Amino acid sequence: MAASASRAAGEPVDVLPMMGASVLIFLFDQAFHKPVIGLPIVNHDNNQHAANENARLQNLWGGVESYAAMMADLSW
């Protein structure tokens, strides 16, 4: 996944073994016994869950490209 994301980004990506907030992604690991990844596409200053939340459209389009590249690399 990191290689696919790097190809989509056109440069190496950072891999951080964490996810903030109250994401219950571990439930998928427990249910399916498969590795789980999260690929956030929000901007670093989006102020989630506040009155002034914001999202940059370029982050959305970049995220769509990243997800598409990774899905295309999967061995279905």
C-alpha atoms as a PDB file:
ATOM      1  CA  MET A   1       0.000   0.000   0.000  1.00  0.00           C
ATOM      2  CA  ALA A   2       2.844   2.393   0.796  1.00  0.00           C
ATOM      3  CA  ALA A   3       4.392   1.720  -2.624  1.00  0.00           C
ATOM      4  CA  SER A   4       1.045   2.321  -4.357  1.00  0.00           C
ATOM      5  CA  ALA A   5       0.476   5.518  -2.403  1.00  0.00           C
ATOM      6  CA  SER A   6       3.997   6.693  -3.252  1.00  0.00           C
ATOM      7  CA  ARG A   7       3.400   6.034  -6.951  1.00  0.00           C
ATOM      8  CA  ALA A   8       0.133   7.975  -6.799  1.00  0.00           C
ATOM      9  CA  ALA A   9       1.785  10.863  -4.943  1.00  0.00           C
ATOM     10  CA  GLY A  10       4.845  10.884  -7.186  1.00  0.00           C
ATOM     11  CA  GLU A  11       7.091  10.858  -4.115  1.00  0.00           C
ATOM     12  CA  PRO A  12       7.653   8.747  -0.988  1.00  0.00           C
ATOM     13  CA  VAL A  13       4.841   8.911   1.567  1.00  0.00           C
ATOM     14  CA  ASP A  14       5.096   8.805   5.340  1.00  0.00           C
ATOM     15  CA  VAL A  15       3.729   5.792   7.176  1.00  0.00           C
ATOM     16  CA  LEU A  16       2.539   6.512  10.704  1.00  0.00           C
ATOM     17  CA  PRO A  17       1.307   3.578  12.816  1.00  0.00           C
ATOM     18  CA  MET A  18      -1.512   5.503  14.474  1.00  0.00           C
ATOM     19  CA  MET A  19      -4.934   7.000  13.948  1.00  0.00           C
ATOM     20  CA  GLY A  20      -6.350   9.780  16.059  1.00  0.00           C
ATOM     21  CA  ALA A  21      -9.773  10.378  17.528  1.00  0.00           C
ATOM     22  CA  SER A  22     -12.294   7.635  18.188  1.00  0.00           C
ATOM     23  CA  VAL A  23     -11.740   5.559  15.069  1.00  0.00           C
ATOM     24  CA  LEU A  24     -12.867   1.992  15.736  1.00  0.00           C
ATOM     25  CA  ILE A  25     -10.832   0.500  12.909  1.00  0.00           C
ATOM     26  CA  PHE A  26      -9.597  -2.294  15.195  1.00  0.00           C
ATOM     27  CA  LEU A  27     -13.053  -3.867  14.896  1.00  0.00           C
ATOM     28  CA  PHE A  28     -12.346  -4.678  11.249  1.00  0.00           C
ATOM     29  CA  ASP A  29      -9.073  -6.365  12.223  1.00  0.00           C
ATOM     30  CA  GLN A  30     -10.867  -8.413  14.868  1.00  0.00           C
ATOM     31  CA  ALA A  31     -13.696  -9.401  12.530  1.00  0.00           C
ATOM     32  CA  PHE A  32     -11.723 -10.179   9.381  1.00  0.00           C
ATOM     33  CA  HIS A  33      -8.231 -11.005  10.727  1.00  0.00           C
ATOM     34  CA  LYS A  34      -6.622  -8.900   8.004  1.00  0.00           C
ATOM     35  CA  PRO A  35      -4.305  -5.900   8.186  1.00  0.00           C
ATOM     36  CA  VAL A  36      -6.167  -2.588   8.143  1.00  0.00           C
ATOM     37  CA  ILE A  37      -4.895   0.734   6.867  1.00  0.00           C
ATOM     38  CA  GLY A  38      -6.297   4.230   7.101  1.00  0.00           C
ATOM     39  CA  LEU A  39      -5.593   6.917   4.548  1.00  0.00           C
ATOM     40  CA  PRO A  40      -6.776  10.291   5.779  1.00  0.00           C
ATOM     41  CA  ILE A  41      -7.240  12.897   3.080  1.00  0.00           C
ATOM     42  CA  VAL A  42      -8.059  15.934   5.206  1.00  0.00           C
ATOM     43  CA  ASN A  43      -5.785  18.933   5.520  1.00  0.00           C
ATOM     44  CA  HIS A  44      -3.702  19.216   8.676  1.00  0.00           C
ATOM     45  CA  ASP A  45      -5.579  22.296   9.918  1.00  0.00           C
ATOM     46  CA  ASN A  46      -9.152  21.226   9.200  1.00  0.00           C
ATOM     47  CA  ASN A  47     -10.272  21.678  12.825  1.00  0.00           C
ATOM     48  CA  GLN A  48     -12.455  18.580  12.778  1.00  0.00           C
ATOM     49  CA  HIS A  49     -15.662  18.724  14.765  1.00  0.00           C
ATOM     50  CA  ALA A  50     -15.533  22.467  15.333  1.00  0.00           C
ATOM     51  CA  ALA A  51     -17.611  25.366  14.114  1.00  0.00           C
ATOM     52  CA  ASN A  52     -14.940  26.304  11.582  1.00  0.00           C
ATOM     53  CA  GLU A  53     -14.319  22.894  10.019  1.00  0.00           C
ATOM     54  CA  ASN A  54     -12.855  23.087   6.554  1.00  0.00           C
ATOM     55  CA  ALA A  55     -11.631  20.832   3.798  1.00  0.00           C
ATOM     56  CA  ARG A  56      -9.528  21.681   0.784  1.00  0.00           C
ATOM     57  CA  LEU A  57     -10.785  20.391  -2.545  1.00  0.00           C
ATOM     58  CA  GLN A  58      -7.256  19.493  -3.654  1.00  0.00           C
ATOM     59  CA  ASN A  59      -7.028  17.105  -0.693  1.00  0.00           C
ATOM     60  CA  LEU A  60     -10.241  15.425  -1.876  1.00  0.00           C
ATOM     61  CA  TRP A  61      -9.007  15.046  -5.472  1.00  0.00           C
ATOM     62  CA  GLY A  62      -5.575  13.872  -4.308  1.00  0.00           C
ATOM     63  CA  GLY A  63      -7.274  11.356  -2.026  1.00  0.00           C
ATOM     64  CA  VAL A  64      -9.426  10.059  -4.882  1.00  0.00           C
ATOM     65  CA  GLU A  65      -6.279   9.564  -6.993  1.00  0.00           C
ATOM     66  CA  SER A  66      -4.477   7.817  -4.123  1.00  0.00           C
ATOM     67  CA  TYR A  67      -7.373   5.483  -3.377  1.00  0.00           C
ATOM     68  CA  ALA A  68      -7.796   4.680  -7.086  1.00  0.00           C
ATOM     69  CA  ALA A  69      -4.085   3.878  -7.459  1.00  0.00           C
ATOM     70  CA  MET A  70      -4.115   1.584  -4.446  1.00  0.00           C
ATOM     71  CA  MET A  71      -7.313  -0.162  -5.530  1.00  0.00           C
ATOM     72  CA  ALA A  72      -5.818  -0.719  -8.997  1.00  0.00           C
ATOM     73  CA  ASP A  73      -2.745  -2.371  -7.438  1.00  0.00           C
ATOM     74  CA  LEU A  74      -4.777  -4.870  -5.390  1.00  0.00           C
ATOM     75  CA  SER A  75      -4.768  -8.531  -6.346  1.00  0.00           C
ATOM     76  CA  TRP A  76      -8.485  -9.189  -6.332  1.00  0.00           C
END
